[in-house]
C-alpha atoms as a PDB file:
ATOM      1  CA  MET A   1     103.692 148.562 -21.762  1.00  0.00           C
ATOM      2  CA  ILE A   2     105.294 151.017 -19.796  1.00  0.00           C
ATOM      3  CA  GLU A   3     103.559 153.679 -20.493  1.00  0.00           C
ATOM      4  CA  GLN A   4     100.693 151.254 -20.160  1.00  0.00           C
ATOM      5  CA  ALA A   5     101.750 151.038 -16.675  1.00  0.00           C
ATOM      6  CA  ALA A   6     101.814 154.434 -16.153  1.00  0.00           C
ATOM      7  CA  ALA A   7      98.327 155.414 -17.420  1.00  0.00           C
ATOM      8  CA  GLU A   8      96.825 152.744 -15.802  1.00  0.00           C
ATOM      9  CA  LEU A   9      98.582 154.465 -12.411  1.00  0.00           C
ATOM     10  CA  ARG A  10      97.137 157.833 -13.692  1.00  0.00           C
ATOM     11  CA  SER A  11      93.598 156.259 -13.923  1.00  0.00           C
ATOM     12  CA  GLY A  12      94.059 155.272 -11.197  1.00  0.00           C
ATOM     13  CA  ALA A  13      94.888 157.414  -9.336  1.00  0.00           C
ATOM     14  CA  ILE A  14      91.748 159.504 -10.182  1.00  0.00           C
ATOM     15  CA  ARG A  15      89.337 156.691  -9.372  1.00  0.00           C
ATOM     16  CA  ALA A  16      90.747 157.199  -5.851  1.00  0.00           C
ATOM     17  CA  GLY A  17      90.508 160.583  -5.537  1.00  0.00           C
ATOM     18  CA  TYR A  18      87.223 160.408  -6.479  1.00  0.00           C
ATOM     19  CA  ALA A  19      86.932 157.992  -4.413  1.00  0.00           C
ATOM     20  CA  GLY A  20      88.088 160.649  -1.792  1.00  0.00           C
ATOM     21  CA  GLU A  21      91.881 158.886  -1.348  1.00  0.00           C
ATOM     22  CA  GLU A  22      93.964 160.226   0.201  1.00  0.00           C
ATOM     23  CA  HIS A  23      97.917 159.110  -0.823  1.00  0.00           C
ATOM     24  CA  LYS A  24      96.941 158.824  -4.558  1.00  0.00           C
ATOM     25  CA  HIS A  25      99.572 161.417  -5.566  1.00  0.00           C
ATOM     26  CA  VAL A  26     102.148 157.901  -4.924  1.00  0.00           C
ATOM     27  CA  ALA A  27      99.981 156.899  -7.674  1.00  0.00           C
ATOM     28  CA  PHE A  28     100.821 159.930  -9.399  1.00  0.00           C
ATOM     29  CA  ALA A  29     105.288 159.834  -9.072  1.00  0.00           C
ATOM     30  CA  LEU A  30     105.420 156.428  -9.454  1.00  0.00           C
ATOM     31  CA  ALA A  31     103.568 156.756 -12.839  1.00  0.00           C
ATOM     32  CA  MET A  32     106.042 159.470 -13.248  1.00  0.00           C
ATOM     33  CA  VAL A  33     109.452 157.746 -12.996  1.00  0.00           C
ATOM     34  CA  LEU A  34     107.503 154.863 -14.862  1.00  0.00           C
ATOM     35  CA  ASP A  35     106.770 157.819 -18.196  1.00  0.00           C
ATOM     36  CA  GLU A  36     110.598 159.077 -17.464  1.00  0.00           C
ATOM     37  CA  LEU A  37     111.813 154.933 -18.002  1.00  0.00           C
ATOM     38  CA  ALA A  38     109.634 154.034 -21.007  1.00  0.00           C
ATOM     39  CA  ARG A  39     111.014 157.619 -22.464  1.00  0.00           C
ATOM     40  CA  HIS A  40     114.783 156.478 -21.653  1.00  0.00           C
ATOM     41  CA  VAL A  41     114.650 152.529 -22.290  1.00  0.00           C
ATOM     42  CA  ARG A  42     116.288 151.652 -24.869  1.00  0.00           C
ATOM     43  CA  ASP A  43     119.042 153.295 -22.444  1.00  0.00           C
ATOM     44  CA  LEU A  44     118.562 151.309 -19.528  1.00  0.00           C
ATOM     45  CA  ARG A  45     121.598 148.493 -18.213  1.00  0.00           C
ATOM     46  CA  PRO A  46     119.417 144.610 -19.884  1.00  0.00           C
ATOM     47  CA  GLU A  47     119.687 143.548 -16.131  1.00  0.00           C
ATOM     48  CA  VAL A  48     117.460 147.935 -16.026  1.00  0.00           C
ATOM     49  CA  ARG A  49     115.396 148.079 -18.345  1.00  0.00           C
ATOM     50  CA  VAL A  50     114.859 143.513 -16.991  1.00  0.00           C
ATOM     51  CA  GLN A  51     113.308 145.101 -13.698  1.00  0.00           C
ATOM     52  CA  VAL A  52     111.445 147.883 -15.628  1.00  0.00           C
ATOM     53  CA  VAL A  53     109.165 145.937 -17.596  1.00  0.00           C
ATOM     54  CA  CYS A  54     108.365 143.744 -15.645  1.00  0.00           C
ATOM     55  CA  GLY A  55     107.412 145.750 -12.862  1.00  0.00           C
ATOM     56  CA  ALA A  56     105.386 147.019 -15.422  1.00  0.00           C
ATOM     57  CA  ARG A  57     104.016 143.520 -16.557  1.00  0.00           C
ATOM     58  CA  MET A  58     103.204 143.607 -12.565  1.00  0.00           C
ATOM     59  CA  LEU A  59     101.227 146.521 -12.931  1.00  0.00           C
ATOM     60  CA  LEU A  60      98.835 145.602 -15.340  1.00  0.00           C
ATOM     61  CA  GLY A  61      98.679 141.917 -13.753  1.00  0.00           C
ATOM     62  CA  GLU A  62     100.457 139.398 -16.269  1.00  0.00           C
ATOM     63  CA  THR A  63     101.445 137.250 -15.239  1.00  0.00           C
ATOM     64  CA  ILE A  64     105.775 137.267 -15.382  1.00  0.00           C
ATOM     65  CA  PRO A  65     107.136 133.405 -15.894  1.00  0.00           C
ATOM     66  CA  PRO A  66     109.873 131.692 -12.913  1.00  0.00           C
END
């Protein structure tokens, strides 16, 4: 899921680049952070892991239960 969110960010940044938008580098940077978090997700503290997964779900447009 985290990897999928990173891939979606990269795809969106590429589309934004073709559309001439300027700040696509921010999306690429966040995608790189998500890639690293995904690689080490099992090593993260539980509360950090929950936040990373929730953030990935939000980026993917999934609803998060309260």
